[in-house]
Amino acid sequence: MTLMPERHAWRPESIVGDRVVLRRHRAENLKAFMRWYSDPEVARLTRYQQGPLSPDEIQRFFHGRIMGADFLAMGIHVRDTDRLIGSCAFSQLDGDNGSTLYHITIGERDSWGQGFGSEATELMVDHAFTQLALHRVALTVFQFNARAIRAYEKCGFKIEGRARDAIYRDGRFWDEIHMSILAHEWEARQG
């Protein structure tokens, strides 16, 4: 099976949910990325390296990955206010095997724990399976990020393995947890 999604399906302008709207990033979103990825706590939850990204690193990340053609990166906006609170993306689309990697960051700390990330994840996973006809969506998360692990499990992701002692944080080693959801698992949840 080789998947060749149409360009408009792979990169929609928006995906609308009940509480969030996912929109393709615009150049002006760089300002939010500068704030988010300069935050030590956001960096702690999302990066292997200790500490936040430098402004140059954030610019390279934003222009190369977020705005790049090889990623489907969407801004997460609160539907009622249109406030940009985070970003989610697919990378490493593998059409031969029907899989992709999922990434998400809620950059606005006052939006943590309110279900926005879960809804954004559900919208992206639904897009992967219904519009792109993929078979598998995978992700990795650090063991100490219990809130994210619970959110992924709520969305139907299952732990499938771990890279033991892969990251050093808070004075000790932690595992990197590998999770995934398959198309038939998503369909069963929707039924």
N, C-alpha and C. Protein backbone atom coordinates (compact mmCIF):
# COMPACT_ATOMS: atom_id res chain seq x y z
N MET A 1 0.85 -1.17 0.00
CA MET A 1 0.00 0.00 0.00
C MET A 1 0.89 1.24 0.00
N THR A 2 0.66 2.12 -0.95
CA THR A 2 1.35 3.40 -0.96
C THR A 2 0.30 4.49 -0.85
N LEU A 3 0.46 5.33 0.15
CA LEU A 3 -0.48 6.42 0.35
C LEU A 3 0.09 7.67 -0.27
N MET A 4 -0.67 8.29 -1.11
CA MET A 4 -0.28 9.55 -1.71
C MET A 4 -1.42 10.53 -1.48
N PRO A 5 -1.51 11.06 -0.27
CA PRO A 5 -2.63 11.96 0.00
C PRO A 5 -2.56 13.19 -0.89
N GLU A 6 -3.74 13.65 -1.29
CA GLU A 6 -3.82 14.88 -2.05
C GLU A 6 -3.26 16.02 -1.19
N ARG A 7 -2.65 16.99 -1.82
CA ARG A 7 -2.02 18.08 -1.08
C ARG A 7 -3.02 18.81 -0.18
N HIS A 8 -4.25 19.02 -0.67
CA HIS A 8 -5.23 19.73 0.16
C HIS A 8 -5.65 18.89 1.36
N ALA A 9 -5.63 17.58 1.25
CA ALA A 9 -5.97 16.72 2.39
C ALA A 9 -4.83 16.69 3.39
N TRP A 10 -3.61 16.66 2.88
CA TRP A 10 -2.45 16.58 3.77
C TRP A 10 -2.28 17.88 4.54
N ARG A 11 -2.55 19.00 3.90
CA ARG A 11 -2.33 20.31 4.52
C ARG A 11 -3.61 21.15 4.47
N PRO A 12 -4.61 20.78 5.27
CA PRO A 12 -5.85 21.57 5.26
C PRO A 12 -5.59 22.95 5.88
N GLU A 13 -6.42 23.91 5.53
CA GLU A 13 -6.30 25.24 6.11
C GLU A 13 -6.72 25.23 7.58
N SER A 14 -7.75 24.44 7.91
CA SER A 14 -8.21 24.39 9.29
C SER A 14 -8.94 23.07 9.56
N ILE A 15 -9.00 22.72 10.83
CA ILE A 15 -9.77 21.59 11.32
C ILE A 15 -10.51 22.11 12.56
N VAL A 16 -11.84 22.04 12.52
CA VAL A 16 -12.65 22.68 13.55
C VAL A 16 -13.18 21.64 14.53
N GLY A 17 -12.98 21.92 15.82
CA GLY A 17 -13.52 21.10 16.88
C GLY A 17 -14.53 21.86 17.70
N ASP A 18 -14.94 21.29 18.82
CA ASP A 18 -15.91 21.94 19.70
C ASP A 18 -15.31 23.13 20.44
N ARG A 19 -14.09 22.96 20.95
CA ARG A 19 -13.45 24.00 21.78
C ARG A 19 -12.21 24.60 21.14
N VAL A 20 -11.61 23.89 20.19
CA VAL A 20 -10.42 24.40 19.51
C VAL A 20 -10.60 24.37 18.01
N VAL A 21 -9.85 25.22 17.35
CA VAL A 21 -9.73 25.21 15.90
C VAL A 21 -8.25 25.09 15.59
N LEU A 22 -7.91 24.13 14.75
CA LEU A 22 -6.53 23.97 14.29
C LEU A 22 -6.40 24.71 12.97
N ARG A 23 -5.40 25.59 12.90
CA ARG A 23 -5.18 26.35 11.68
C ARG A 23 -3.72 26.26 11.28
N ARG A 24 -3.48 26.26 9.99
CA ARG A 24 -2.11 26.29 9.52
C ARG A 24 -1.42 27.51 10.09
N HIS A 25 -0.17 27.32 10.45
CA HIS A 25 0.59 28.43 11.03
C HIS A 25 0.85 29.52 10.01
N ARG A 26 0.95 30.73 10.52
CA ARG A 26 1.31 31.90 9.72
C ARG A 26 2.62 32.45 10.27
N ALA A 27 3.29 33.26 9.48
CA ALA A 27 4.60 33.80 9.88
C ALA A 27 4.53 34.54 11.21
N GLU A 28 3.43 35.23 11.47
CA GLU A 28 3.32 36.01 12.72
C GLU A 28 3.24 35.13 13.97
N ASN A 29 3.00 33.83 13.82
CA ASN A 29 2.97 32.92 14.96
C ASN A 29 4.35 32.72 15.57
N LEU A 30 5.40 33.14 14.85
CA LEU A 30 6.75 33.03 15.38
C LEU A 30 6.87 33.72 16.74
N LYS A 31 6.16 34.83 16.94
CA LYS A 31 6.23 35.56 18.22
C LYS A 31 5.81 34.65 19.38
N ALA A 32 4.74 33.88 19.19
CA ALA A 32 4.28 32.96 20.24
C ALA A 32 5.32 31.87 20.47
N PHE A 33 5.91 31.34 19.41
CA PHE A 33 6.94 30.30 19.55
C PHE A 33 8.13 30.83 20.33
N MET A 34 8.49 32.09 20.09
CA MET A 34 9.61 32.70 20.83
C MET A 34 9.30 32.70 22.32
N ARG A 35 8.08 33.01 22.68
CA ARG A 35 7.70 33.02 24.09
C ARG A 35 7.65 31.60 24.66
N TRP A 36 6.98 30.70 23.94
CA TRP A 36 6.80 29.34 24.45
C TRP A 36 8.13 28.63 24.65
N TYR A 37 8.97 28.62 23.64
CA TYR A 37 10.18 27.82 23.69
C TYR A 37 11.33 28.51 24.42
N SER A 38 11.07 29.71 24.93
CA SER A 38 11.99 30.36 25.85
C SER A 38 11.63 30.05 27.30
N ASP A 39 10.48 29.45 27.50
CA ASP A 39 9.98 29.10 28.84
C ASP A 39 10.68 27.83 29.31
N PRO A 40 11.39 27.87 30.44
CA PRO A 40 12.11 26.68 30.92
C PRO A 40 11.21 25.45 31.15
N GLU A 41 9.98 25.65 31.58
CA GLU A 41 9.10 24.51 31.84
C GLU A 41 8.61 23.87 30.53
N VAL A 42 8.33 24.68 29.53
CA VAL A 42 7.98 24.13 28.22
C VAL A 42 9.17 23.35 27.67
N ALA A 43 10.36 23.91 27.78
CA ALA A 43 11.57 23.22 27.31
C ALA A 43 11.78 21.91 28.06
N ARG A 44 11.55 21.91 29.36
CA ARG A 44 11.72 20.71 30.18
C ARG A 44 10.83 19.57 29.70
N LEU A 45 9.63 19.91 29.27
CA LEU A 45 8.66 18.89 28.85
C LEU A 45 8.82 18.47 27.39
N THR A 46 9.52 19.26 26.58
CA THR A 46 9.55 18.99 25.14
C THR A 46 10.92 18.73 24.55
N ARG A 47 11.99 19.03 25.27
CA ARG A 47 13.33 18.94 24.67
C ARG A 47 14.20 17.92 25.39
N TYR A 48 15.10 17.31 24.64
CA TYR A 48 16.11 16.44 25.24
C TYR A 48 17.19 17.25 25.93
N GLN A 49 17.52 18.40 25.37
CA GLN A 49 18.58 19.22 25.93
C GLN A 49 18.06 19.99 27.15
N GLN A 50 18.97 20.28 28.06
CA GLN A 50 18.60 21.08 29.23
C GLN A 50 18.39 22.52 28.79
N GLY A 51 17.36 23.15 29.26
CA GLY A 51 17.14 24.56 29.05
C GLY A 51 16.40 24.90 27.78
N PRO A 52 15.94 26.14 27.72
CA PRO A 52 15.17 26.61 26.56
C PRO A 52 16.02 26.75 25.31
N LEU A 53 15.33 26.87 24.19
CA LEU A 53 15.98 27.14 22.92
C LEU A 53 16.43 28.60 22.87
N SER A 54 17.50 28.87 22.15
CA SER A 54 17.92 30.25 21.91
C SER A 54 16.99 30.86 20.84
N PRO A 55 16.94 32.19 20.74
CA PRO A 55 16.11 32.80 19.69
C PRO A 55 16.46 32.30 18.29
N ASP A 56 17.74 32.12 17.98
CA ASP A 56 18.13 31.60 16.66
C ASP A 56 17.62 30.18 16.45
N GLU A 57 17.71 29.34 17.48
CA GLU A 57 17.21 27.96 17.37
C GLU A 57 15.70 27.95 17.16
N ILE A 58 14.99 28.83 17.84
CA ILE A 58 13.53 28.89 17.69
C ILE A 58 13.18 29.31 16.27
N GLN A 59 13.88 30.29 15.73
CA GLN A 59 13.62 30.72 14.36
C GLN A 59 13.87 29.58 13.37
N ARG A 60 14.98 28.87 13.53
CA ARG A 60 15.28 27.75 12.63
C ARG A 60 14.22 26.67 12.74
N PHE A 61 13.83 26.34 13.97
CA PHE A 61 12.78 25.35 14.21
C PHE A 61 11.47 25.78 13.54
N PHE A 62 11.08 27.01 13.75
CA PHE A 62 9.82 27.50 13.21
C PHE A 62 9.83 27.49 11.69
N HIS A 63 10.87 28.03 11.08
CA HIS A 63 10.90 28.13 9.61
C HIS A 63 11.17 26.78 8.96
N GLY A 64 11.99 25.94 9.57
CA GLY A 64 12.33 24.65 8.96
C GLY A 64 11.29 23.57 9.17
N ARG A 65 10.71 23.53 10.38
CA ARG A 65 9.78 22.45 10.69
C ARG A 65 8.33 22.90 10.69
N ILE A 66 8.03 23.96 11.37
CA ILE A 66 6.64 24.38 11.49
C ILE A 66 6.10 24.89 10.16
N MET A 67 6.88 25.68 9.46
CA MET A 67 6.45 26.21 8.16
C MET A 67 6.94 25.35 7.00
N GLY A 68 7.73 24.31 7.27
CA GLY A 68 8.29 23.48 6.21
C GLY A 68 7.27 22.56 5.57
N ALA A 69 7.56 22.14 4.36
CA ALA A 69 6.64 21.31 3.59
C ALA A 69 6.57 19.87 4.08
N ASP A 70 7.55 19.42 4.85
CA ASP A 70 7.57 18.02 5.29
C ASP A 70 6.79 17.79 6.57
N PHE A 71 6.20 18.82 7.13
CA PHE A 71 5.42 18.71 8.36
C PHE A 71 4.01 19.23 8.11
N LEU A 72 3.04 18.60 8.74
CA LEU A 72 1.71 19.19 8.81
C LEU A 72 1.62 19.78 10.21
N ALA A 73 1.90 21.07 10.32
CA ALA A 73 1.90 21.75 11.62
C ALA A 73 0.72 22.71 11.66
N MET A 74 -0.04 22.61 12.73
CA MET A 74 -1.24 23.41 12.90
C MET A 74 -1.18 24.17 14.22
N GLY A 75 -1.58 25.43 14.20
CA GLY A 75 -1.72 26.19 15.42
C GLY A 75 -3.00 25.77 16.13
N ILE A 76 -2.93 25.68 17.44
CA ILE A 76 -4.11 25.33 18.24
C ILE A 76 -4.69 26.64 18.77
N HIS A 77 -5.92 26.96 18.35
CA HIS A 77 -6.59 28.18 18.74
C HIS A 77 -7.82 27.84 19.57
N VAL A 78 -8.04 28.61 20.63
CA VAL A 78 -9.29 28.47 21.38
C VAL A 78 -10.41 28.97 20.47
N ARG A 79 -11.42 28.14 20.28
CA ARG A 79 -12.45 28.47 19.30
C ARG A 79 -13.20 29.76 19.64
N ASP A 80 -13.54 29.97 20.90
CA ASP A 80 -14.35 31.14 21.27
C ASP A 80 -13.60 32.46 21.14
N THR A 81 -12.29 32.44 21.33
CA THR A 81 -11.52 33.69 21.36
C THR A 81 -10.51 33.81 20.23
N ASP A 82 -10.24 32.72 19.53
CA ASP A 82 -9.23 32.62 18.48
C ASP A 82 -7.80 32.78 19.03
N ARG A 83 -7.63 32.69 20.34
CA ARG A 83 -6.30 32.81 20.95
C ARG A 83 -5.43 31.60 20.57
N LEU A 84 -4.23 31.85 20.09
CA LEU A 84 -3.26 30.81 19.78
C LEU A 84 -2.63 30.33 21.08
N ILE A 85 -2.79 29.04 21.40
CA ILE A 85 -2.28 28.51 22.67
C ILE A 85 -1.24 27.41 22.49
N GLY A 86 -1.08 26.90 21.26
CA GLY A 86 -0.13 25.82 21.08
C GLY A 86 0.01 25.41 19.63
N SER A 87 0.68 24.30 19.44
CA SER A 87 0.97 23.79 18.11
C SER A 87 0.95 22.27 18.14
N CYS A 88 0.45 21.67 17.05
CA CYS A 88 0.51 20.23 16.91
C CYS A 88 0.92 19.91 15.48
N ALA A 89 1.52 18.74 15.29
CA ALA A 89 2.09 18.46 13.97
C ALA A 89 2.21 16.96 13.73
N PHE A 90 2.19 16.62 12.45
CA PHE A 90 2.61 15.29 11.99
C PHE A 90 3.95 15.46 11.30
N SER A 91 4.85 14.52 11.53
CA SER A 91 6.11 14.48 10.81
C SER A 91 6.36 13.04 10.37
N GLN A 92 7.33 12.87 9.53
CA GLN A 92 7.74 11.55 9.05
C GLN A 92 6.57 10.74 8.49
N LEU A 93 5.78 11.37 7.63
CA LEU A 93 4.71 10.65 6.95
C LEU A 93 5.33 9.54 6.12
N ASP A 94 4.92 8.32 6.41
CA ASP A 94 5.42 7.13 5.71
C ASP A 94 4.25 6.51 4.96
N GLY A 95 4.10 6.89 3.70
CA GLY A 95 3.00 6.41 2.89
C GLY A 95 3.06 4.92 2.62
N ASP A 96 4.26 4.36 2.51
CA ASP A 96 4.39 2.93 2.25
C ASP A 96 3.84 2.10 3.39
N ASN A 97 3.99 2.59 4.62
CA ASN A 97 3.56 1.83 5.78
C ASN A 97 2.38 2.47 6.51
N GLY A 98 1.88 3.58 6.00
CA GLY A 98 0.69 4.20 6.54
C GLY A 98 0.85 4.75 7.94
N SER A 99 1.99 5.39 8.21
CA SER A 99 2.23 5.86 9.58
C SER A 99 2.78 7.28 9.59
N THR A 100 2.69 7.89 10.76
CA THR A 100 3.23 9.22 10.98
C THR A 100 3.54 9.38 12.46
N LEU A 101 4.37 10.38 12.78
CA LEU A 101 4.66 10.74 14.17
C LEU A 101 3.87 12.00 14.52
N TYR A 102 3.36 12.03 15.75
CA TYR A 102 2.56 13.16 16.22
C TYR A 102 3.34 13.93 17.28
N HIS A 103 3.20 15.25 17.25
CA HIS A 103 3.86 16.15 18.20
C HIS A 103 2.84 17.19 18.64
N ILE A 104 2.89 17.58 19.91
CA ILE A 104 2.02 18.65 20.39
C ILE A 104 2.71 19.40 21.52
N THR A 105 2.49 20.71 21.53
CA THR A 105 2.94 21.57 22.62
C THR A 105 1.83 22.57 22.90
N ILE A 106 1.36 22.61 24.13
CA ILE A 106 0.51 23.70 24.58
C ILE A 106 1.47 24.69 25.23
N GLY A 107 1.71 25.79 24.56
CA GLY A 107 2.72 26.74 25.00
C GLY A 107 2.24 27.72 26.05
N GLU A 108 0.95 27.97 26.07
CA GLU A 108 0.39 28.91 27.04
C GLU A 108 0.06 28.15 28.32
N ARG A 109 0.84 28.40 29.37
CA ARG A 109 0.69 27.63 30.61
C ARG A 109 -0.70 27.74 31.23
N ASP A 110 -1.37 28.88 31.07
CA ASP A 110 -2.70 29.02 31.65
C ASP A 110 -3.75 28.18 30.92
N SER A 111 -3.34 27.53 29.83
CA SER A 111 -4.23 26.63 29.08
C SER A 111 -3.96 25.16 29.37
N TRP A 112 -2.97 24.87 30.22
CA TRP A 112 -2.65 23.49 30.57
C TRP A 112 -3.78 22.90 31.43
N GLY A 113 -4.04 21.61 31.23
CA GLY A 113 -4.99 20.90 32.07
C GLY A 113 -6.45 21.24 31.81
N GLN A 114 -6.76 21.86 30.68
CA GLN A 114 -8.14 22.24 30.38
C GLN A 114 -8.75 21.43 29.25
N GLY A 115 -8.02 20.44 28.74
CA GLY A 115 -8.56 19.58 27.70
C GLY A 115 -8.33 20.06 26.27
N PHE A 116 -7.69 21.22 26.11
CA PHE A 116 -7.45 21.72 24.75
C PHE A 116 -6.50 20.80 23.98
N GLY A 117 -5.46 20.33 24.64
CA GLY A 117 -4.51 19.42 23.98
C GLY A 117 -5.15 18.10 23.61
N SER A 118 -6.01 17.58 24.47
CA SER A 118 -6.71 16.32 24.16
C SER A 118 -7.59 16.48 22.93
N GLU A 119 -8.34 17.59 22.87
CA GLU A 119 -9.20 17.78 21.71
C GLU A 119 -8.38 17.98 20.44
N ALA A 120 -7.28 18.73 20.53
CA ALA A 120 -6.42 18.91 19.35
C ALA A 120 -5.87 17.57 18.89
N THR A 121 -5.47 16.74 19.83
CA THR A 121 -4.95 15.40 19.50
C THR A 121 -6.03 14.57 18.82
N GLU A 122 -7.23 14.58 19.35
CA GLU A 122 -8.32 13.81 18.74
C GLU A 122 -8.61 14.29 17.32
N LEU A 123 -8.58 15.61 17.11
CA LEU A 123 -8.81 16.14 15.76
C LEU A 123 -7.72 15.70 14.79
N MET A 124 -6.48 15.74 15.24
CA MET A 124 -5.37 15.34 14.36
C MET A 124 -5.41 13.85 14.07
N VAL A 125 -5.70 13.04 15.08
CA VAL A 125 -5.77 11.59 14.87
C VAL A 125 -6.92 11.26 13.92
N ASP A 126 -8.06 11.90 14.10
CA ASP A 126 -9.18 11.69 13.19
C ASP A 126 -8.79 12.07 11.77
N HIS A 127 -8.09 13.17 11.60
CA HIS A 127 -7.62 13.59 10.27
C HIS A 127 -6.69 12.52 9.66
N ALA A 128 -5.81 11.99 10.48
CA ALA A 128 -4.86 10.97 10.00
C ALA A 128 -5.59 9.74 9.46
N PHE A 129 -6.61 9.31 10.18
CA PHE A 129 -7.29 8.07 9.80
C PHE A 129 -8.41 8.28 8.78
N THR A 130 -9.15 9.39 8.85
CA THR A 130 -10.28 9.56 7.94
C THR A 130 -9.91 10.27 6.65
N GLN A 131 -8.98 11.24 6.72
CA GLN A 131 -8.62 12.00 5.52
C GLN A 131 -7.36 11.48 4.83
N LEU A 132 -6.41 11.03 5.61
CA LEU A 132 -5.14 10.57 5.04
C LEU A 132 -5.06 9.06 4.88
N ALA A 133 -6.06 8.36 5.42
CA ALA A 133 -6.13 6.90 5.33
C ALA A 133 -4.87 6.22 5.88
N LEU A 134 -4.33 6.78 6.95
CA LEU A 134 -3.17 6.17 7.58
C LEU A 134 -3.60 4.99 8.44
N HIS A 135 -2.64 4.19 8.83
CA HIS A 135 -2.88 3.00 9.65
C HIS A 135 -2.45 3.21 11.10
N ARG A 136 -1.42 4.06 11.32
CA ARG A 136 -0.82 4.18 12.65
C ARG A 136 -0.34 5.61 12.89
N VAL A 137 -0.63 6.12 14.08
CA VAL A 137 -0.09 7.40 14.55
C VAL A 137 0.69 7.09 15.81
N ALA A 138 1.95 7.50 15.85
CA ALA A 138 2.83 7.21 16.99
C ALA A 138 3.33 8.53 17.59
N LEU A 139 3.83 8.44 18.82
CA LEU A 139 4.41 9.58 19.49
C LEU A 139 5.37 9.10 20.56
N THR A 140 6.17 10.01 21.07
CA THR A 140 7.00 9.73 22.24
C THR A 140 6.75 10.80 23.28
N VAL A 141 6.90 10.41 24.54
CA VAL A 141 6.66 11.32 25.65
C VAL A 141 7.60 10.93 26.79
N PHE A 142 8.07 11.91 27.54
CA PHE A 142 8.96 11.61 28.66
C PHE A 142 8.15 11.06 29.83
N GLN A 143 8.71 10.10 30.51
CA GLN A 143 8.05 9.41 31.62
C GLN A 143 7.56 10.37 32.70
N PHE A 144 8.28 11.45 32.94
CA PHE A 144 7.87 12.38 34.01
C PHE A 144 6.69 13.26 33.61
N ASN A 145 6.27 13.23 32.35
CA ASN A 145 5.16 14.06 31.89
C ASN A 145 3.85 13.28 32.04
N ALA A 146 3.47 13.03 33.29
CA ALA A 146 2.30 12.20 33.58
C ALA A 146 1.01 12.80 33.01
N ARG A 147 0.89 14.12 33.03
CA ARG A 147 -0.32 14.76 32.50
C ARG A 147 -0.48 14.43 31.01
N ALA A 148 0.60 14.50 30.25
CA ALA A 148 0.52 14.20 28.82
C ALA A 148 0.21 12.73 28.59
N ILE A 149 0.81 11.85 29.36
CA ILE A 149 0.55 10.41 29.19
C ILE A 149 -0.92 10.12 29.42
N ARG A 150 -1.50 10.68 30.48
CA ARG A 150 -2.93 10.50 30.75
C ARG A 150 -3.78 11.02 29.59
N ALA A 151 -3.41 12.18 29.05
CA ALA A 151 -4.17 12.75 27.94
C ALA A 151 -4.09 11.86 26.71
N TYR A 152 -2.91 11.34 26.41
CA TYR A 152 -2.77 10.45 25.25
C TYR A 152 -3.58 9.17 25.44
N GLU A 153 -3.54 8.62 26.64
CA GLU A 153 -4.32 7.41 26.91
C GLU A 153 -5.82 7.70 26.77
N LYS A 154 -6.25 8.86 27.23
CA LYS A 154 -7.65 9.26 27.09
C LYS A 154 -8.06 9.31 25.61
N CYS A 155 -7.12 9.66 24.75
CA CYS A 155 -7.38 9.73 23.31
C CYS A 155 -7.24 8.37 22.62
N GLY A 156 -6.89 7.34 23.36
CA GLY A 156 -6.81 5.99 22.78
C GLY A 156 -5.42 5.49 22.49
N PHE A 157 -4.38 6.27 22.75
CA PHE A 157 -3.01 5.80 22.53
C PHE A 157 -2.67 4.74 23.57
N LYS A 158 -1.88 3.78 23.14
CA LYS A 158 -1.42 2.71 24.03
C LYS A 158 0.10 2.75 24.12
N ILE A 159 0.61 2.44 25.31
CA ILE A 159 2.06 2.34 25.47
C ILE A 159 2.52 1.07 24.78
N GLU A 160 3.52 1.22 23.92
CA GLU A 160 4.01 0.05 23.18
C GLU A 160 5.47 -0.24 23.48
N GLY A 161 6.12 0.63 24.22
CA GLY A 161 7.51 0.37 24.56
C GLY A 161 8.13 1.59 25.20
N ARG A 162 9.41 1.46 25.51
CA ARG A 162 10.11 2.58 26.13
C ARG A 162 11.59 2.47 25.87
N ALA A 163 12.21 3.62 25.78
CA ALA A 163 13.67 3.71 25.74
C ALA A 163 14.09 4.00 27.18
N ARG A 164 14.69 3.03 27.81
CA ARG A 164 15.00 3.13 29.23
C ARG A 164 16.08 4.17 29.49
N ASP A 165 15.87 4.94 30.57
CA ASP A 165 16.83 5.95 31.01
C ASP A 165 17.34 6.83 29.86
N ALA A 166 16.42 7.29 29.02
CA ALA A 166 16.79 8.03 27.82
C ALA A 166 17.04 9.51 28.06
N ILE A 167 16.55 10.04 29.18
CA ILE A 167 16.68 11.48 29.42
C ILE A 167 17.00 11.72 30.89
N TYR A 168 17.89 12.66 31.14
CA TYR A 168 18.27 13.03 32.50
C TYR A 168 17.59 14.34 32.86
N ARG A 169 16.70 14.31 33.84
CA ARG A 169 15.99 15.49 34.31
C ARG A 169 15.81 15.40 35.82
N ASP A 170 15.84 16.54 36.47
CA ASP A 170 15.52 16.63 37.89
C ASP A 170 16.38 15.70 38.74
N GLY A 171 17.66 15.54 38.34
CA GLY A 171 18.59 14.76 39.13
C GLY A 171 18.51 13.26 38.97
N ARG A 172 17.80 12.78 37.94
CA ARG A 172 17.73 11.34 37.71
C ARG A 172 17.42 11.03 36.25
N PHE A 173 17.53 9.76 35.88
CA PHE A 173 17.20 9.32 34.53
C PHE A 173 15.73 8.91 34.46
N TRP A 174 15.13 9.18 33.30
CA TRP A 174 13.74 8.84 33.03
C TRP A 174 13.65 8.12 31.69
N ASP A 175 12.61 7.31 31.53
CA ASP A 175 12.37 6.63 30.26
C ASP A 175 11.68 7.58 29.27
N GLU A 176 11.90 7.32 27.99
CA GLU A 176 11.10 7.91 26.94
C GLU A 176 10.07 6.85 26.55
N ILE A 177 8.81 7.19 26.66
CA ILE A 177 7.73 6.24 26.42
C ILE A 177 7.24 6.38 24.99
N HIS A 178 7.08 5.24 24.32
CA HIS A 178 6.58 5.19 22.95
C HIS A 178 5.13 4.74 22.99
N MET A 179 4.27 5.51 22.32
CA MET A 179 2.84 5.22 22.30
C MET A 179 2.35 5.26 20.86
N SER A 180 1.24 4.59 20.61
CA SER A 180 0.64 4.66 19.28
C SER A 180 -0.84 4.33 19.37
N ILE A 181 -1.54 4.68 18.30
CA ILE A 181 -2.93 4.29 18.11
C ILE A 181 -3.05 3.82 16.66
N LEU A 182 -3.83 2.77 16.45
CA LEU A 182 -4.04 2.20 15.12
C LEU A 182 -5.42 2.57 14.61
N ALA A 183 -5.58 2.56 13.29
CA ALA A 183 -6.84 2.99 12.68
C ALA A 183 -8.03 2.20 13.22
N HIS A 184 -7.91 0.88 13.36
CA HIS A 184 -9.06 0.10 13.82
C HIS A 184 -9.39 0.40 15.28
N GLU A 185 -8.39 0.79 16.07
CA GLU A 185 -8.64 1.19 17.46
C GLU A 185 -9.41 2.51 17.49
N TRP A 186 -9.02 3.44 16.63
CA TRP A 186 -9.72 4.71 16.55
C TRP A 186 -11.17 4.51 16.09
N GLU A 187 -11.35 3.68 15.06
CA GLU A 187 -12.70 3.41 14.56
C GLU A 187 -13.58 2.79 15.64
N ALA A 188 -13.03 1.87 16.43
CA ALA A 188 -13.80 1.24 17.52
C ALA A 188 -14.21 2.29 18.55
N ARG A 189 -13.34 3.23 18.83
CA ARG A 189 -13.67 4.31 19.79
C ARG A 189 -14.76 5.21 19.24
N GLN A 190 -14.78 5.42 17.94
CA GLN A 190 -15.79 6.30 17.34
C GLN A 190 -17.15 5.61 17.24
N GLY A 191 -17.13 4.28 17.13
CA GLY A 191 -18.37 3.50 16.95
C GLY A 191 -19.18 3.42 18.20
